Amino acid sequence: MNEDLKVNLSGLPRDYLDAGASENVSAAVSSQVPVVEPEPELVVNPWDIVLCTSGTLISCENAIVVLIIFHNPSLRAPMFLLIGSLALADLLAGIGLIINFVFAYLLQSEATKLVTIGLIVASFSASVCSLLAITVDRYLSLYYALTYHSERTVTFTYVMLIMLWGTSICLGLLPVMGWNCLRDESTCSVVRPLTKNNAAILSVSFLFMFALMLQLYIQICKIVMRHAHQIALQHHFLATSHYVTTRKGVSTLAIILGTFAACWMPFTLYSLIADYTYPSIYTYATLLPATYNSIINPVIYAFRNQEIQKALCLICCGCIPASLSQRARSPSDV
């Protein structure tokens, strides 16, 4: 990802070196004094600093979610398992961005490049797959409301988790197992050492999952509108109240899907049309918003959840605010 830097190790202009080459050689031979060349300065790409900072924020934020779910026995429902999977994937993605920065400037080698890109690909793939699994879970919880809280749902959740993590790990292992462009630079994608074909597969898979999520959220929106209408009729609410509740639910779904698309779509489309010959600034400019999705995910899926809010309050202050304990769940809370 980092372009090689050409550094003049002598620290002097080349014209000056060529002009006085003879004098320098004879003086060195006569004096027999060893010449110590200054070491090249370490030039850090500002974009890498921004990515490392983003990775640090991602790691800290999602580590809180993972710890809350892991240490709270009451958070073992399928929904919380999937939220925990999302937080774990984003946590690994943040760690991968930090490791990428450290290895790029302190420990450069082919092995570290492959391990780093494998970790980043696997973690971000698991993050996107976890988002799809959460969407499926939300759809099932509304469509099969009567049978959702059953052993079959728990089993199905574990199957989804095994499949999504197994697939993500396999995708991350592809560069490590040999599907990379370290030996043939002409096959490189915008993210070295991923090949162009590898990046294309990842991009097409993302577009497919985004289309599936869009279809599921449309169905969820229809169910929410129908439930809100039924509740309004049963409790003799006014049409305005029904409209407000429905609009809130639709807005929530639009924010979730719109944020996901805004973060990942630029890099996905750019990976399909570009290759290693394109300026790296375009890669950084499209990849950075994709990392922001891992920063936003805990806010949308974890910290908005009432049960996680209660657990966080218990950890921080040892009490549950009255506003949380008395809050009722509405059809717009999807």
C-alpha atoms as a PDB file:
ATOM      1  CA  MET A   1       0.000   0.000   0.000  1.00  0.00           C
ATOM      2  CA  ASN A   2       2.952   2.248   0.656  1.00  0.00           C
ATOM      3  CA  GLU A   3       4.946   3.459  -2.319  1.00  0.00           C
ATOM      4  CA  ASP A   4       8.683   2.920  -2.240  1.00  0.00           C
ATOM      5  CA  LEU A   5      10.630   6.050  -1.387  1.00  0.00           C
ATOM      6  CA  LYS A   6      13.857   6.809  -3.276  1.00  0.00           C
ATOM      7  CA  VAL A   7      16.286   8.301  -0.805  1.00  0.00           C
ATOM      8  CA  ASN A   8      19.763   9.716  -1.565  1.00  0.00           C
ATOM      9  CA  LEU A   9      21.773   8.086   1.213  1.00  0.00           C
ATOM     10  CA  SER A  10      24.676  10.560   0.946  1.00  0.00           C
ATOM     11  CA  GLY A  11      22.462  13.529   1.757  1.00  0.00           C
ATOM     12  CA  LEU A  12      24.223  15.713  -0.905  1.00  0.00           C
ATOM     13  CA  PRO A  13      23.084  16.950  -4.349  1.00  0.00           C
ATOM     14  CA  ARG A  14      24.028  14.558  -7.143  1.00  0.00           C
ATOM     15  CA  ASP A  15      25.642  17.299  -9.279  1.00  0.00           C
ATOM     16  CA  TYR A  16      27.994  18.108  -6.434  1.00  0.00           C
ATOM     17  CA  LEU A  17      28.901  14.447  -6.063  1.00  0.00           C
ATOM     18  CA  ASP A  18      29.685  14.041  -9.782  1.00  0.00           C
ATOM     19  CA  ALA A  19      31.800  17.204  -9.936  1.00  0.00           C
ATOM     20  CA  GLY A  20      33.995  16.340  -6.985  1.00  0.00           C
ATOM     21  CA  ALA A  21      34.137  12.588  -7.368  1.00  0.00           C
ATOM     22  CA  SER A  22      37.913  12.483  -8.056  1.00  0.00           C
ATOM     23  CA  GLU A  23      38.867  14.697  -5.129  1.00  0.00           C
ATOM     24  CA  ASN A  24      36.648  12.730  -2.752  1.00  0.00           C
ATOM     25  CA  VAL A  25      38.151   9.378  -3.764  1.00  0.00           C
ATOM     26  CA  SER A  26      41.767  10.518  -3.506  1.00  0.00           C
ATOM     27  CA  ALA A  27      41.141  12.246  -0.180  1.00  0.00           C
ATOM     28  CA  ALA A  28      39.507   9.141   1.241  1.00  0.00           C
ATOM     29  CA  VAL A  29      42.379   6.911   0.138  1.00  0.00           C
ATOM     30  CA  SER A  30      45.077   9.234   1.487  1.00  0.00           C
ATOM     31  CA  SER A  31      43.515   9.917   4.813  1.00  0.00           C
ATOM     32  CA  GLN A  32      42.187   6.362   5.378  1.00  0.00           C
ATOM     33  CA  VAL A  33      39.416   7.845   7.463  1.00  0.00           C
ATOM     34  CA  PRO A  34      36.177   5.837   7.257  1.00  0.00           C
ATOM     35  CA  VAL A  35      33.282   7.778   5.837  1.00  0.00           C
ATOM     36  CA  VAL A  36      30.042   7.367   7.766  1.00  0.00           C
ATOM     37  CA  GLU A  37      27.023   8.014   5.581  1.00  0.00           C
ATOM     38  CA  PRO A  38      23.965   9.468   7.298  1.00  0.00           C
ATOM     39  CA  GLU A  39      20.999   7.140   7.540  1.00  0.00           C
ATOM     40  CA  PRO A  40      17.957   8.039   5.422  1.00  0.00           C
ATOM     41  CA  GLU A  41      15.146   9.840   7.169  1.00  0.00           C
ATOM     42  CA  LEU A  42      11.943   7.872   7.734  1.00  0.00           C
ATOM     43  CA  VAL A  43       9.257   9.580   5.675  1.00  0.00           C
ATOM     44  CA  VAL A  44       5.746   8.734   6.864  1.00  0.00           C
ATOM     45  CA  ASN A  45       2.745   8.999   4.558  1.00  0.00           C
ATOM     46  CA  PRO A  46       0.084  11.226   6.199  1.00  0.00           C
ATOM     47  CA  TRP A  47      -2.644   8.937   4.866  1.00  0.00           C
ATOM     48  CA  ASP A  48      -1.104   6.028   6.774  1.00  0.00           C
ATOM     49  CA  ILE A  49      -1.184   8.104   9.944  1.00  0.00           C
ATOM     50  CA  VAL A  50      -4.888   8.807   9.406  1.00  0.00           C
ATOM     51  CA  LEU A  51      -5.589   5.103   8.803  1.00  0.00           C
ATOM     52  CA  CYS A  52      -3.647   4.147  11.935  1.00  0.00           C
ATOM     53  CA  THR A  53      -5.574   6.734  13.965  1.00  0.00           C
ATOM     54  CA  SER A  54      -8.828   5.377  12.567  1.00  0.00           C
ATOM     55  CA  GLY A  55      -7.727   1.856  13.490  1.00  0.00           C
ATOM     56  CA  THR A  56      -6.966   2.946  17.047  1.00  0.00           C
ATOM     57  CA  LEU A  57     -10.415   4.509  17.452  1.00  0.00           C
ATOM     58  CA  ILE A  58     -12.062   1.426  15.936  1.00  0.00           C
ATOM     59  CA  SER A  59     -10.198  -0.886  18.313  1.00  0.00           C
ATOM     60  CA  CYS A  60     -11.028   1.091  21.457  1.00  0.00           C
ATOM     61  CA  GLU A  61     -14.690   1.550  20.576  1.00  0.00           C
ATOM     62  CA  ASN A  62     -15.402  -2.040  19.605  1.00  0.00           C
ATOM     63  CA  ALA A  63     -13.340  -3.461  22.482  1.00  0.00           C
ATOM     64  CA  ILE A  64     -15.873  -1.875  24.832  1.00  0.00           C
ATOM     65  CA  VAL A  65     -18.748  -3.633  23.064  1.00  0.00           C
ATOM     66  CA  VAL A  66     -16.944  -6.995  23.067  1.00  0.00           C
ATOM     67  CA  LEU A  67     -16.166  -6.735  26.778  1.00  0.00           C
ATOM     68  CA  ILE A  68     -19.740  -5.754  27.653  1.00  0.00           C
ATOM     69  CA  ILE A  69     -21.248  -8.702  25.787  1.00  0.00           C
ATOM     70  CA  PHE A  70     -18.587 -11.171  26.952  1.00  0.00           C
ATOM     71  CA  HIS A  71     -18.858 -10.296  30.650  1.00  0.00           C
ATOM     72  CA  ASN A  72     -22.647  -9.984  30.800  1.00  0.00           C
ATOM     73  CA  PRO A  73     -24.347 -13.429  30.930  1.00  0.00           C
ATOM     74  CA  SER A  74     -27.746 -11.895  30.164  1.00  0.00           C
ATOM     75  CA  LEU A  75     -26.546 -10.825  26.708  1.00  0.00           C
ATOM     76  CA  ARG A  76     -26.585 -14.266  25.106  1.00  0.00           C
ATOM     77  CA  ALA A  77     -29.610 -13.919  22.832  1.00  0.00           C
ATOM     78  CA  PRO A  78     -29.041 -14.409  19.079  1.00  0.00           C
ATOM     79  CA  MET A  79     -29.191 -10.659  18.468  1.00  0.00           C
ATOM     80  CA  PHE A  80     -26.375  -9.991  20.954  1.00  0.00           C
ATOM     81  CA  LEU A  81     -24.265 -12.842  19.580  1.00  0.00           C
ATOM     82  CA  LEU A  82     -24.432 -11.229  16.145  1.00  0.00           C
ATOM     83  CA  ILE A  83     -23.680  -7.774  17.548  1.00  0.00           C
ATOM     84  CA  GLY A  84     -20.714  -9.307  19.362  1.00  0.00           C
ATOM     85  CA  SER A  85     -19.554 -10.898  16.114  1.00  0.00           C
ATOM     86  CA  LEU A  86     -19.750  -7.514  14.388  1.00  0.00           C
ATOM     87  CA  ALA A  87     -17.822  -5.816  17.202  1.00  0.00           C
ATOM     88  CA  LEU A  88     -15.152  -8.554  17.205  1.00  0.00           C
ATOM     89  CA  ALA A  89     -14.713  -8.278  13.431  1.00  0.00           C
ATOM     90  CA  ASP A  90     -14.377  -4.488  13.614  1.00  0.00           C
ATOM     91  CA  LEU A  91     -11.974  -4.828  16.542  1.00  0.00           C
ATOM     92  CA  LEU A  92      -9.736  -7.109  14.476  1.00  0.00           C
ATOM     93  CA  ALA A  93     -10.011  -4.694  11.551  1.00  0.00           C
ATOM     94  CA  GLY A  94      -8.797  -1.846  13.743  1.00  0.00           C
ATOM     95  CA  ILE A  95      -5.907  -3.963  15.027  1.00  0.00           C
ATOM     96  CA  GLY A  96      -5.073  -4.860  11.427  1.00  0.00           C
ATOM     97  CA  LEU A  97      -4.831  -1.184  10.457  1.00  0.00           C
ATOM     98  CA  ILE A  98      -2.501  -0.508  13.387  1.00  0.00           C
ATOM     99  CA  ILE A  99      -0.321  -3.531  12.573  1.00  0.00           C
ATOM    100  CA  ASN A 100      -0.213  -2.459   8.920  1.00  0.00           C
ATOM    101  CA  PHE A 101       1.228   0.911   9.950  1.00  0.00           C
ATOM    102  CA  VAL A 102       3.832  -0.656  12.260  1.00  0.00           C
ATOM    103  CA  PHE A 103       4.962  -3.279   9.753  1.00  0.00           C
ATOM    104  CA  ALA A 104       5.045  -0.812   6.836  1.00  0.00           C
ATOM    105  CA  TYR A 105       7.601   1.437   8.539  1.00  0.00           C
ATOM    106  CA  LEU A 106       9.389  -0.727  11.086  1.00  0.00           C
ATOM    107  CA  LEU A 107       9.318  -4.322   9.854  1.00  0.00           C
ATOM    108  CA  GLN A 108       9.067  -4.487   6.079  1.00  0.00           C
ATOM    109  CA  SER A 109       8.985  -7.949   4.527  1.00  0.00           C
ATOM    110  CA  GLU A 110       6.834 -10.008   2.196  1.00  0.00           C
ATOM    111  CA  ALA A 111       5.613 -12.193   5.045  1.00  0.00           C
ATOM    112  CA  THR A 112       4.395  -9.233   7.115  1.00  0.00           C
ATOM    113  CA  LYS A 113       2.634  -7.756   4.085  1.00  0.00           C
ATOM    114  CA  LEU A 114       0.765 -10.999   3.453  1.00  0.00           C
ATOM    115  CA  VAL A 115      -0.176 -11.532   7.103  1.00  0.00           C
ATOM    116  CA  THR A 116      -1.391  -7.944   7.455  1.00  0.00           C
ATOM    117  CA  ILE A 117      -3.483  -7.910   4.291  1.00  0.00           C
ATOM    118  CA  GLY A 118      -4.894 -11.325   5.208  1.00  0.00           C
ATOM    119  CA  LEU A 119      -5.995 -10.052   8.626  1.00  0.00           C
ATOM    120  CA  ILE A 120      -7.542  -6.901   7.156  1.00  0.00           C
ATOM    121  CA  VAL A 121      -9.417  -8.783   4.419  1.00  0.00           C
ATOM    122  CA  ALA A 122     -10.706 -11.430   6.844  1.00  0.00           C
ATOM    123  CA  SER A 123     -11.819  -8.916   9.483  1.00  0.00           C
ATOM    124  CA  PHE A 124     -13.562  -6.511   7.113  1.00  0.00           C
ATOM    125  CA  SER A 125     -15.215  -9.450   5.334  1.00  0.00           C
ATOM    126  CA  ALA A 126     -16.467 -10.740   8.697  1.00  0.00           C
ATOM    127  CA  SER A 127     -17.743  -7.245   9.515  1.00  0.00           C
ATOM    128  CA  VAL A 128     -19.789  -6.978   6.314  1.00  0.00           C
ATOM    129  CA  CYS A 129     -21.061 -10.557   6.692  1.00  0.00           C
ATOM    130  CA  SER A 130     -22.050  -9.842  10.307  1.00  0.00           C
ATOM    131  CA  LEU A 131     -24.057  -6.837   9.117  1.00  0.00           C
ATOM    132  CA  LEU A 132     -25.876  -9.113   6.680  1.00  0.00           C
ATOM    133  CA  ALA A 133     -26.477 -11.677   9.457  1.00  0.00           C
ATOM    134  CA  ILE A 134     -27.912  -8.951  11.717  1.00  0.00           C
ATOM    135  CA  THR A 135     -30.248  -7.907   8.895  1.00  0.00           C
ATOM    136  CA  VAL A 136     -31.404 -11.516   8.444  1.00  0.00           C
ATOM    137  CA  ASP A 137     -31.949 -11.842  12.206  1.00  0.00           C
ATOM    138  CA  ARG A 138     -34.015  -8.648  12.339  1.00  0.00           C
ATOM    139  CA  TYR A 139     -36.146  -9.831   9.447  1.00  0.00           C
ATOM    140  CA  LEU A 140     -36.759 -13.225  11.068  1.00  0.00           C
ATOM    141  CA  SER A 141     -37.594 -11.629  14.430  1.00  0.00           C
ATOM    142  CA  LEU A 142     -40.372  -9.637  12.772  1.00  0.00           C
ATOM    143  CA  TYR A 143     -41.614 -12.124  10.183  1.00  0.00           C
ATOM    144  CA  TYR A 144     -41.618 -15.103  12.601  1.00  0.00           C
ATOM    145  CA  ALA A 145     -42.362 -13.144  15.763  1.00  0.00           C
ATOM    146  CA  LEU A 146     -44.198 -16.013  17.481  1.00  0.00           C
ATOM    147  CA  THR A 147     -41.509 -18.673  16.939  1.00  0.00           C
ATOM    148  CA  TYR A 148     -38.419 -16.458  16.948  1.00  0.00           C
ATOM    149  CA  HIS A 149     -37.509 -17.114  20.604  1.00  0.00           C
ATOM    150  CA  SER A 150     -36.851 -20.823  20.207  1.00  0.00           C
ATOM    151  CA  GLU A 151     -33.947 -23.258  20.107  1.00  0.00           C
ATOM    152  CA  ARG A 152     -34.185 -23.353  16.323  1.00  0.00           C
ATOM    153  CA  THR A 153     -33.333 -19.651  16.160  1.00  0.00           C
ATOM    154  CA  VAL A 154     -30.300 -20.111  18.402  1.00  0.00           C
ATOM    155  CA  THR A 155     -29.072 -23.018  16.273  1.00  0.00           C
ATOM    156  CA  PHE A 156     -29.587 -21.015  13.088  1.00  0.00           C
ATOM    157  CA  THR A 157     -27.607 -18.124  14.597  1.00  0.00           C
ATOM    158  CA  TYR A 158     -24.655 -20.350  15.424  1.00  0.00           C
ATOM    159  CA  VAL A 159     -24.747 -21.787  11.899  1.00  0.00           C
ATOM    160  CA  MET A 160     -24.654 -18.252  10.459  1.00  0.00           C
ATOM    161  CA  LEU A 161     -21.727 -17.340  12.692  1.00  0.00           C
ATOM    162  CA  ILE A 162     -19.750 -20.438  11.699  1.00  0.00           C
ATOM    163  CA  MET A 163     -20.418 -19.849   8.006  1.00  0.00           C
ATOM    164  CA  LEU A 164     -19.586 -16.144   8.005  1.00  0.00           C
ATOM    165  CA  TRP A 165     -16.372 -16.521   9.992  1.00  0.00           C
ATOM    166  CA  GLY A 166     -15.320 -19.584   8.014  1.00  0.00           C
ATOM    167  CA  THR A 167     -15.854 -17.750   4.726  1.00  0.00           C
ATOM    168  CA  SER A 168     -14.054 -14.639   5.988  1.00  0.00           C
ATOM    169  CA  ILE A 169     -11.048 -16.616   7.214  1.00  0.00           C
ATOM    170  CA  CYS A 170     -10.802 -18.391   3.852  1.00  0.00           C
ATOM    171  CA  LEU A 171     -10.849 -15.043   2.032  1.00  0.00           C
ATOM    172  CA  GLY A 172      -8.118 -13.760   4.317  1.00  0.00           C
ATOM    173  CA  LEU A 173      -5.974 -16.838   3.734  1.00  0.00           C
ATOM    174  CA  LEU A 174      -6.023 -16.518  -0.067  1.00  0.00           C
ATOM    175  CA  PRO A 175      -3.187 -13.941  -0.249  1.00  0.00           C
ATOM    176  CA  VAL A 176      -1.155 -15.854   2.337  1.00  0.00           C
ATOM    177  CA  MET A 177      -1.557 -19.162   0.487  1.00  0.00           C
ATOM    178  CA  GLY A 178      -0.188 -17.739  -2.758  1.00  0.00           C
ATOM    179  CA  TRP A 179      -2.943 -15.755  -4.470  1.00  0.00           C
ATOM    180  CA  ASN A 180      -1.027 -12.464  -4.446  1.00  0.00           C
ATOM    181  CA  CYS A 181       0.868 -10.219  -6.825  1.00  0.00           C
ATOM    182  CA  LEU A 182       4.277 -10.107  -5.127  1.00  0.00           C
ATOM    183  CA  ARG A 183       5.854 -12.025  -8.032  1.00  0.00           C
ATOM    184  CA  ASP A 184       3.907 -10.319 -10.836  1.00  0.00           C
ATOM    185  CA  GLU A 185       3.198  -6.649 -10.249  1.00  0.00           C
ATOM    186  CA  SER A 186       1.118  -6.390 -13.418  1.00  0.00           C
ATOM    187  CA  THR A 187      -1.667  -8.397 -11.717  1.00  0.00           C
ATOM    188  CA  CYS A 188      -1.850  -6.115  -8.659  1.00  0.00           C
ATOM    189  CA  SER A 189      -5.032  -4.353  -7.630  1.00  0.00           C
ATOM    190  CA  VAL A 190      -5.304  -0.966  -5.963  1.00  0.00           C
ATOM    191  CA  VAL A 191      -4.386  -2.697  -2.687  1.00  0.00           C
ATOM    192  CA  ARG A 192      -1.065  -4.457  -2.979  1.00  0.00           C
ATOM    193  CA  PRO A 193      -0.474  -7.426  -2.672  1.00  0.00           C
ATOM    194  CA  LEU A 194      -4.083  -8.337  -3.559  1.00  0.00           C
ATOM    195  CA  THR A 195      -4.512  -9.377  -7.175  1.00  0.00           C
ATOM    196  CA  LYS A 196      -6.983  -7.678  -9.455  1.00  0.00           C
ATOM    197  CA  ASN A 197      -9.128 -10.833  -9.617  1.00  0.00           C
ATOM    198  CA  ASN A 198      -9.137 -11.163  -5.826  1.00  0.00           C
ATOM    199  CA  ALA A 199     -10.258  -7.552  -5.399  1.00  0.00           C
ATOM    200  CA  ALA A 200     -12.930  -8.038  -8.069  1.00  0.00           C
ATOM    201  CA  ILE A 201     -14.344 -11.081  -6.240  1.00  0.00           C
ATOM    202  CA  LEU A 202     -14.478  -9.144  -2.970  1.00  0.00           C
ATOM    203  CA  SER A 203     -16.166  -6.171  -4.656  1.00  0.00           C
ATOM    204  CA  VAL A 204     -18.781  -8.263  -6.450  1.00  0.00           C
ATOM    205  CA  SER A 205     -19.501 -10.171  -3.236  1.00  0.00           C
ATOM    206  CA  PHE A 206     -20.045  -6.884  -1.434  1.00  0.00           C
ATOM    207  CA  LEU A 207     -22.457  -5.653  -4.116  1.00  0.00           C
ATOM    208  CA  PHE A 208     -24.382  -8.913  -3.865  1.00  0.00           C
ATOM    209  CA  MET A 209     -24.650  -8.663  -0.068  1.00  0.00           C
ATOM    210  CA  PHE A 210     -25.672  -5.017  -0.301  1.00  0.00           C
ATOM    211  CA  ALA A 211     -28.468  -5.911  -2.741  1.00  0.00           C
ATOM    212  CA  LEU A 212     -29.619  -8.681  -0.383  1.00  0.00           C
ATOM    213  CA  MET A 213     -29.570  -6.309   2.603  1.00  0.00           C
ATOM    214  CA  LEU A 214     -31.538  -3.729   0.623  1.00  0.00           C
ATOM    215  CA  GLN A 215     -34.216  -6.282  -0.228  1.00  0.00           C
ATOM    216  CA  LEU A 216     -34.434  -7.482   3.391  1.00  0.00           C
ATOM    217  CA  TYR A 217     -34.710  -3.940   4.746  1.00  0.00           C
ATOM    218  CA  ILE A 218     -37.502  -3.190   2.290  1.00  0.00           C
ATOM    219  CA  GLN A 219     -39.390  -6.203   3.636  1.00  0.00           C
ATOM    220  CA  ILE A 220     -38.620  -5.114   7.222  1.00  0.00           C
ATOM    221  CA  CYS A 221     -39.961  -1.667   6.442  1.00  0.00           C
ATOM    222  CA  LYS A 222     -43.215  -3.155   5.166  1.00  0.00           C
ATOM    223  CA  ILE A 223     -43.588  -5.304   8.293  1.00  0.00           C
ATOM    224  CA  VAL A 224     -42.884  -2.339  10.581  1.00  0.00           C
ATOM    225  CA  MET A 225     -45.488  -0.219   8.810  1.00  0.00           C
ATOM    226  CA  ARG A 226     -48.050  -3.017   9.083  1.00  0.00           C
ATOM    227  CA  HIS A 227     -47.317  -3.587  12.788  1.00  0.00           C
ATOM    228  CA  ALA A 228     -47.520   0.121  13.558  1.00  0.00           C
ATOM    229  CA  HIS A 229     -50.862   0.339  11.770  1.00  0.00           C
ATOM    230  CA  GLN A 230     -52.252  -2.640  13.705  1.00  0.00           C
ATOM    231  CA  ILE A 231     -51.111  -1.198  17.030  1.00  0.00           C
ATOM    232  CA  ALA A 232     -52.679   2.147  16.143  1.00  0.00           C
ATOM    233  CA  LEU A 233     -56.016   0.457  15.397  1.00  0.00           C
ATOM    234  CA  GLN A 234     -55.957  -1.644  18.578  1.00  0.00           C
ATOM    235  CA  HIS A 235     -55.238   1.327  20.834  1.00  0.00           C
ATOM    236  CA  HIS A 236     -57.355   3.777  18.818  1.00  0.00           C
ATOM    237  CA  PHE A 237     -54.392   6.027  18.143  1.00  0.00           C
ATOM    238  CA  LEU A 238     -54.729   8.957  15.808  1.00  0.00           C
ATOM    239  CA  ALA A 239     -53.457   8.705  12.259  1.00  0.00           C
ATOM    240  CA  THR A 240     -50.782  11.269  13.100  1.00  0.00           C
ATOM    241  CA  SER A 241     -49.303   9.010  15.779  1.00  0.00           C
ATOM    242  CA  HIS A 242     -49.197   6.102  13.345  1.00  0.00           C
ATOM    243  CA  TYR A 243     -47.504   8.293  10.751  1.00  0.00           C
ATOM    244  CA  VAL A 244     -44.859   9.506  13.205  1.00  0.00           C
ATOM    245  CA  THR A 245     -44.030   5.993  14.397  1.00  0.00           C
ATOM    246  CA  THR A 246     -43.820   4.644  10.856  1.00  0.00           C
ATOM    247  CA  ARG A 247     -41.693   7.540   9.678  1.00  0.00           C
ATOM    248  CA  LYS A 248     -39.287   6.993  12.570  1.00  0.00           C
ATOM    249  CA  GLY A 249     -38.876   3.327  11.683  1.00  0.00           C
ATOM    250  CA  VAL A 250     -38.326   4.076   8.000  1.00  0.00           C
ATOM    251  CA  SER A 251     -35.817   6.804   8.876  1.00  0.00           C
ATOM    252  CA  THR A 252     -33.883   4.413  11.093  1.00  0.00           C
ATOM    253  CA  LEU A 253     -33.642   1.834   8.314  1.00  0.00           C
ATOM    254  CA  ALA A 254     -32.629   4.507   5.802  1.00  0.00           C
ATOM    255  CA  ILE A 255     -29.842   5.723   8.092  1.00  0.00           C
ATOM    256  CA  ILE A 256     -28.537   2.183   8.629  1.00  0.00           C
ATOM    257  CA  LEU A 257     -28.496   1.262   4.945  1.00  0.00           C
ATOM    258  CA  GLY A 258     -27.419   4.709   3.730  1.00  0.00           C
ATOM    259  CA  THR A 259     -24.451   4.799   6.104  1.00  0.00           C
ATOM    260  CA  PHE A 260     -23.345   1.337   5.030  1.00  0.00           C
ATOM    261  CA  ALA A 261     -23.548   2.243   1.328  1.00  0.00           C
ATOM    262  CA  ALA A 262     -21.850   5.633   1.739  1.00  0.00           C
ATOM    263  CA  CYS A 263     -18.904   4.062   3.563  1.00  0.00           C
ATOM    264  CA  TRP A 264     -18.253   1.026   1.369  1.00  0.00           C
ATOM    265  CA  MET A 265     -19.578   1.841  -2.104  1.00  0.00           C
ATOM    266  CA  PRO A 266     -16.775   4.258  -3.201  1.00  0.00           C
ATOM    267  CA  PHE A 267     -13.983   1.786  -2.450  1.00  0.00           C
ATOM    268  CA  THR A 268     -15.951  -1.132  -3.897  1.00  0.00           C
ATOM    269  CA  LEU A 269     -16.566   0.568  -7.238  1.00  0.00           C
ATOM    270  CA  TYR A 270     -13.039   1.965  -7.377  1.00  0.00           C
ATOM    271  CA  SER A 271     -11.569  -1.507  -6.820  1.00  0.00           C
ATOM    272  CA  LEU A 272     -13.529  -2.787  -9.818  1.00  0.00           C
ATOM    273  CA  ILE A 273     -12.364  -0.158 -12.297  1.00  0.00           C
ATOM    274  CA  ALA A 274      -8.836   0.681 -11.082  1.00  0.00           C
ATOM    275  CA  ASP A 275      -5.533  -1.166 -10.749  1.00  0.00           C
ATOM    276  CA  TYR A 276      -2.027  -0.622  -9.367  1.00  0.00           C
ATOM    277  CA  THR A 277      -1.204   2.025 -12.002  1.00  0.00           C
ATOM    278  CA  TYR A 278      -3.695   4.497 -10.519  1.00  0.00           C
ATOM    279  CA  PRO A 279      -2.386   7.095  -8.022  1.00  0.00           C
ATOM    280  CA  SER A 280      -2.407   5.763  -4.491  1.00  0.00           C
ATOM    281  CA  ILE A 281      -4.158   8.881  -3.201  1.00  0.00           C
ATOM    282  CA  TYR A 282      -7.384   7.622  -4.792  1.00  0.00           C
ATOM    283  CA  THR A 283      -7.036   4.321  -2.928  1.00  0.00           C
ATOM    284  CA  TYR A 284      -6.554   6.105   0.383  1.00  0.00           C
ATOM    285  CA  ALA A 285      -9.417   8.512  -0.292  1.00  0.00           C
ATOM    286  CA  THR A 286     -11.883   5.671  -0.941  1.00  0.00           C
ATOM    287  CA  LEU A 287     -10.543   3.234   1.670  1.00  0.00           C
ATOM    288  CA  LEU A 288     -10.712   5.709   4.550  1.00  0.00           C
ATOM    289  CA  PRO A 289     -14.539   6.067   4.458  1.00  0.00           C
ATOM    290  CA  ALA A 290     -14.797   2.259   4.505  1.00  0.00           C
ATOM    291  CA  THR A 291     -12.937   2.209   7.815  1.00  0.00           C
ATOM    292  CA  TYR A 292     -15.375   4.794   9.186  1.00  0.00           C
ATOM    293  CA  ASN A 293     -18.113   2.184   8.885  1.00  0.00           C
ATOM    294  CA  SER A 294     -16.403   0.215  11.655  1.00  0.00           C
ATOM    295  CA  ILE A 295     -16.458   3.358  13.804  1.00  0.00           C
ATOM    296  CA  ILE A 296     -20.162   3.943  13.186  1.00  0.00           C
ATOM    297  CA  ASN A 297     -21.270   0.317  13.639  1.00  0.00           C
ATOM    298  CA  PRO A 298     -21.071   0.284  17.477  1.00  0.00           C
ATOM    299  CA  VAL A 299     -23.133   3.468  17.613  1.00  0.00           C
ATOM    300  CA  ILE A 300     -25.876   2.092  15.346  1.00  0.00           C
ATOM    301  CA  TYR A 301     -26.038  -1.523  16.470  1.00  0.00           C
ATOM    302  CA  ALA A 302     -24.681  -1.610  20.045  1.00  0.00           C
ATOM    303  CA  PHE A 303     -24.899   1.666  21.921  1.00  0.00           C
ATOM    304  CA  ARG A 304     -28.477   2.303  20.729  1.00  0.00           C
ATOM    305  CA  ASN A 305     -29.570  -1.016  22.216  1.00  0.00           C
ATOM    306  CA  GLN A 306     -31.368  -0.619  25.524  1.00  0.00           C
ATOM    307  CA  GLU A 307     -29.882  -3.738  27.143  1.00  0.00           C
ATOM    308  CA  ILE A 308     -26.332  -2.757  26.205  1.00  0.00           C
ATOM    309  CA  GLN A 309     -26.989   0.746  27.504  1.00  0.00           C
ATOM    310  CA  LYS A 310     -28.060  -0.741  30.845  1.00  0.00           C
ATOM    311  CA  ALA A 311     -24.967  -2.960  31.010  1.00  0.00           C
ATOM    312  CA  LEU A 312     -22.727  -0.004  30.170  1.00  0.00           C
ATOM    313  CA  CYS A 313     -24.346   2.123  32.874  1.00  0.00           C
ATOM    314  CA  LEU A 314     -23.877  -0.648  35.426  1.00  0.00           C
ATOM    315  CA  ILE A 315     -20.187  -0.869  34.551  1.00  0.00           C
ATOM    316  CA  CYS A 316     -19.597   2.888  34.584  1.00  0.00           C
ATOM    317  CA  CYS A 317     -21.697   4.093  37.512  1.00  0.00           C
ATOM    318  CA  GLY A 318     -23.167   0.954  39.072  1.00  0.00           C
ATOM    319  CA  CYS A 319     -26.775   2.001  38.457  1.00  0.00           C
ATOM    320  CA  ILE A 320     -29.446   2.057  35.753  1.00  0.00           C
ATOM    321  CA  PRO A 321     -31.052   5.422  34.946  1.00  0.00           C
ATOM    322  CA  ALA A 322     -34.813   5.574  35.358  1.00  0.00           C
ATOM    323  CA  SER A 323     -35.200   6.664  31.743  1.00  0.00           C
ATOM    324  CA  LEU A 324     -33.718   3.340  30.572  1.00  0.00           C
ATOM    325  CA  SER A 325     -35.570   1.092  33.010  1.00  0.00           C
ATOM    326  CA  GLN A 326     -38.972   2.576  32.109  1.00  0.00           C
ATOM    327  CA  ARG A 327     -38.497   2.833  28.372  1.00  0.00           C
ATOM    328  CA  ALA A 328     -40.778   0.649  26.255  1.00  0.00           C
ATOM    329  CA  ARG A 329     -39.838  -0.812  22.891  1.00  0.00           C
ATOM    330  CA  SER A 330     -41.771   0.562  19.925  1.00  0.00           C
ATOM    331  CA  PRO A 331     -42.224  -0.786  16.380  1.00  0.00           C
ATOM    332  CA  SER A 332     -39.707   1.784  15.148  1.00  0.00           C
ATOM    333  CA  ASP A 333     -36.937   0.220  17.194  1.00  0.00           C
ATOM    334  CA  VAL A 334     -35.627  -2.035  14.460  1.00  0.00           C
END
